Amino acid sequence: MTAVRNPSETRLAFSIPEAVELAGISRSTMYALIGAGRLPAVKIGRSTRIRRADLEIWLSSLPTFRRSTAG
């Protein structure tokens, strides 16, 4: 039996709505990140795409939230 893969696991680039959904951020935040140069985007024809590798690099660069244990 062959396992069915989720298309988001194999795709190399995502549309803005797809990248927003995967990253769990708003559309305006996505465009702000692109505009500030913090998240690279590529154009394919008239479409804007976010490469999987760039999205993963951006997410891994975010600081880790650590809850304070002092109370």
N, C-alpha and C. Protein backbone atom coordinates (compact mmCIF):
# COMPACT_ATOMS: atom_id res chain seq x y z
N MET A 1 0.85 -1.18 0.00
CA MET A 1 0.00 0.00 0.00
C MET A 1 0.89 1.24 0.00
N THR A 2 0.60 2.17 -0.88
CA THR A 2 1.38 3.39 -0.99
C THR A 2 0.73 4.49 -0.17
N ALA A 3 1.54 5.19 0.61
CA ALA A 3 1.03 6.29 1.43
C ALA A 3 0.71 7.48 0.54
N VAL A 4 -0.39 8.13 0.79
CA VAL A 4 -0.77 9.32 0.04
C VAL A 4 -0.10 10.51 0.70
N ARG A 5 0.65 11.27 -0.08
CA ARG A 5 1.35 12.44 0.46
C ARG A 5 0.51 13.68 0.32
N ASN A 6 0.63 14.53 1.28
CA ASN A 6 0.00 15.84 1.25
C ASN A 6 0.76 16.69 0.23
N PRO A 7 0.08 17.37 -0.71
CA PRO A 7 0.79 18.17 -1.71
C PRO A 7 1.71 19.22 -1.11
N SER A 8 1.38 19.76 0.06
CA SER A 8 2.24 20.77 0.68
C SER A 8 3.56 20.19 1.16
N GLU A 9 3.65 18.86 1.26
CA GLU A 9 4.90 18.21 1.68
C GLU A 9 5.88 18.08 0.52
N THR A 10 5.40 18.13 -0.72
CA THR A 10 6.25 17.89 -1.87
C THR A 10 6.46 19.12 -2.74
N ARG A 11 5.64 20.13 -2.62
CA ARG A 11 5.74 21.32 -3.47
C ARG A 11 6.92 22.16 -3.07
N LEU A 12 7.54 22.79 -4.05
CA LEU A 12 8.72 23.62 -3.81
C LEU A 12 8.38 25.08 -3.61
N ALA A 13 7.19 25.51 -4.05
CA ALA A 13 6.78 26.91 -3.91
C ALA A 13 5.28 26.99 -3.69
N PHE A 14 4.88 28.06 -3.01
CA PHE A 14 3.48 28.24 -2.64
C PHE A 14 2.99 29.61 -3.05
N SER A 15 1.71 29.71 -3.36
CA SER A 15 1.09 31.01 -3.59
C SER A 15 1.03 31.74 -2.25
N ILE A 16 0.73 33.02 -2.29
CA ILE A 16 0.62 33.79 -1.05
C ILE A 16 -0.44 33.18 -0.12
N PRO A 17 -1.66 32.90 -0.60
CA PRO A 17 -2.64 32.29 0.32
C PRO A 17 -2.19 30.96 0.91
N GLU A 18 -1.51 30.15 0.12
CA GLU A 18 -1.01 28.87 0.63
C GLU A 18 0.08 29.09 1.68
N ALA A 19 1.00 30.00 1.42
CA ALA A 19 2.08 30.29 2.37
C ALA A 19 1.53 30.87 3.67
N VAL A 20 0.53 31.73 3.55
CA VAL A 20 -0.13 32.31 4.73
C VAL A 20 -0.72 31.20 5.59
N GLU A 21 -1.41 30.26 4.95
CA GLU A 21 -2.03 29.15 5.67
C GLU A 21 -0.98 28.26 6.33
N LEU A 22 0.07 27.95 5.61
CA LEU A 22 1.12 27.09 6.16
C LEU A 22 1.85 27.74 7.33
N ALA A 23 2.12 29.04 7.21
CA ALA A 23 2.87 29.75 8.25
C ALA A 23 1.98 30.17 9.42
N GLY A 24 0.68 30.23 9.19
CA GLY A 24 -0.23 30.64 10.26
C GLY A 24 -0.16 32.12 10.56
N ILE A 25 0.09 32.93 9.52
CA ILE A 25 0.14 34.38 9.69
C ILE A 25 -0.88 35.02 8.76
N SER A 26 -1.10 36.31 8.93
CA SER A 26 -2.07 37.01 8.10
C SER A 26 -1.47 37.38 6.75
N ARG A 27 -2.35 37.65 5.79
CA ARG A 27 -1.92 38.06 4.46
C ARG A 27 -1.13 39.37 4.53
N SER A 28 -1.59 40.30 5.36
CA SER A 28 -0.90 41.58 5.47
C SER A 28 0.49 41.41 6.09
N THR A 29 0.62 40.50 7.05
CA THR A 29 1.92 40.22 7.64
C THR A 29 2.85 39.61 6.59
N MET A 30 2.32 38.71 5.77
CA MET A 30 3.12 38.09 4.71
C MET A 30 3.65 39.16 3.76
N TYR A 31 2.79 40.05 3.31
CA TYR A 31 3.23 41.11 2.39
C TYR A 31 4.20 42.08 3.07
N ALA A 32 4.01 42.33 4.36
CA ALA A 32 4.94 43.20 5.09
C ALA A 32 6.33 42.55 5.16
N LEU A 33 6.38 41.25 5.41
CA LEU A 33 7.66 40.54 5.46
C LEU A 33 8.36 40.56 4.10
N ILE A 34 7.59 40.37 3.04
CA ILE A 34 8.14 40.41 1.69
C ILE A 34 8.65 41.82 1.38
N GLY A 35 7.85 42.83 1.69
CA GLY A 35 8.22 44.22 1.43
C GLY A 35 9.45 44.67 2.19
N ALA A 36 9.63 44.14 3.40
CA ALA A 36 10.78 44.50 4.23
C ALA A 36 12.02 43.68 3.85
N GLY A 37 11.87 42.73 2.95
CA GLY A 37 13.01 41.91 2.54
C GLY A 37 13.34 40.80 3.51
N ARG A 38 12.46 40.54 4.46
CA ARG A 38 12.72 39.48 5.45
C ARG A 38 12.31 38.11 4.95
N LEU A 39 11.43 38.09 3.93
CA LEU A 39 10.99 36.83 3.34
C LEU A 39 11.04 36.99 1.82
N PRO A 40 11.96 36.31 1.16
CA PRO A 40 12.06 36.43 -0.29
C PRO A 40 10.84 35.85 -1.00
N ALA A 41 10.49 36.48 -2.10
CA ALA A 41 9.40 35.99 -2.95
C ALA A 41 9.91 35.99 -4.39
N VAL A 42 9.35 35.13 -5.19
CA VAL A 42 9.73 35.07 -6.61
C VAL A 42 8.48 35.29 -7.45
N LYS A 43 8.69 35.77 -8.66
CA LYS A 43 7.60 35.96 -9.60
C LYS A 43 7.68 34.87 -10.66
N ILE A 44 6.57 34.24 -10.93
CA ILE A 44 6.43 33.29 -12.02
C ILE A 44 5.30 33.83 -12.87
N GLY A 45 5.67 34.48 -13.96
CA GLY A 45 4.66 35.21 -14.72
C GLY A 45 4.15 36.36 -13.88
N ARG A 46 2.85 36.42 -13.69
CA ARG A 46 2.27 37.47 -12.84
C ARG A 46 2.05 36.99 -11.41
N SER A 47 2.32 35.73 -11.15
CA SER A 47 2.08 35.15 -9.83
C SER A 47 3.28 35.32 -8.92
N THR A 48 3.00 35.60 -7.66
CA THR A 48 4.04 35.66 -6.64
C THR A 48 4.05 34.33 -5.90
N ARG A 49 5.23 33.79 -5.72
CA ARG A 49 5.38 32.52 -5.02
C ARG A 49 6.41 32.65 -3.91
N ILE A 50 6.20 31.88 -2.86
CA ILE A 50 7.14 31.79 -1.75
C ILE A 50 7.75 30.39 -1.83
N ARG A 51 9.06 30.33 -1.93
CA ARG A 51 9.72 29.02 -1.98
C ARG A 51 9.68 28.37 -0.61
N ARG A 52 9.48 27.06 -0.62
CA ARG A 52 9.43 26.29 0.63
C ARG A 52 10.67 26.54 1.49
N ALA A 53 11.84 26.50 0.87
CA ALA A 53 13.09 26.68 1.61
C ALA A 53 13.14 28.05 2.28
N ASP A 54 12.70 29.10 1.58
CA ASP A 54 12.71 30.45 2.16
C ASP A 54 11.74 30.55 3.33
N LEU A 55 10.57 29.93 3.21
CA LEU A 55 9.60 29.94 4.30
C LEU A 55 10.16 29.20 5.52
N GLU A 56 10.81 28.07 5.29
CA GLU A 56 11.40 27.32 6.39
C GLU A 56 12.54 28.09 7.06
N ILE A 57 13.37 28.76 6.26
CA ILE A 57 14.47 29.56 6.82
C ILE A 57 13.91 30.69 7.66
N TRP A 58 12.88 31.39 7.15
CA TRP A 58 12.29 32.50 7.90
C TRP A 58 11.71 31.99 9.22
N LEU A 59 10.96 30.91 9.16
CA LEU A 59 10.36 30.38 10.39
C LEU A 59 11.42 29.94 11.40
N SER A 60 12.48 29.33 10.93
CA SER A 60 13.53 28.88 11.86
C SER A 60 14.34 30.04 12.42
N SER A 61 14.28 31.20 11.79
CA SER A 61 15.02 32.36 12.29
C SER A 61 14.28 33.10 13.40
N LEU A 62 13.02 32.78 13.62
CA LEU A 62 12.24 33.46 14.64
C LEU A 62 12.70 33.04 16.03
N PRO A 63 12.65 33.98 16.98
CA PRO A 63 13.06 33.62 18.34
C PRO A 63 12.08 32.61 18.95
N THR A 64 12.61 31.76 19.79
CA THR A 64 11.80 30.77 20.49
C THR A 64 11.18 31.41 21.71
N PHE A 65 9.89 31.17 21.88
CA PHE A 65 9.19 31.68 23.06
C PHE A 65 9.45 30.74 24.22
N ARG A 66 9.90 31.30 25.31
CA ARG A 66 10.13 30.51 26.53
C ARG A 66 9.35 31.14 27.66
N ARG A 67 8.48 30.37 28.24
CA ARG A 67 7.67 30.85 29.35
C ARG A 67 8.54 30.95 30.59
N SER A 68 8.40 32.03 31.31
CA SER A 68 9.16 32.23 32.53
C SER A 68 8.63 31.28 33.61
N THR A 69 9.54 30.63 34.31
CA THR A 69 9.15 29.73 35.38
C THR A 69 9.04 30.44 36.72
N ALA A 70 9.56 31.66 36.77
CA ALA A 70 9.49 32.44 38.02
C ALA A 70 8.07 32.95 38.18
N GLY A 71 7.53 32.87 39.31
CA GLY A 71 6.15 33.28 39.45
C GLY A 71 5.97 34.15 40.57
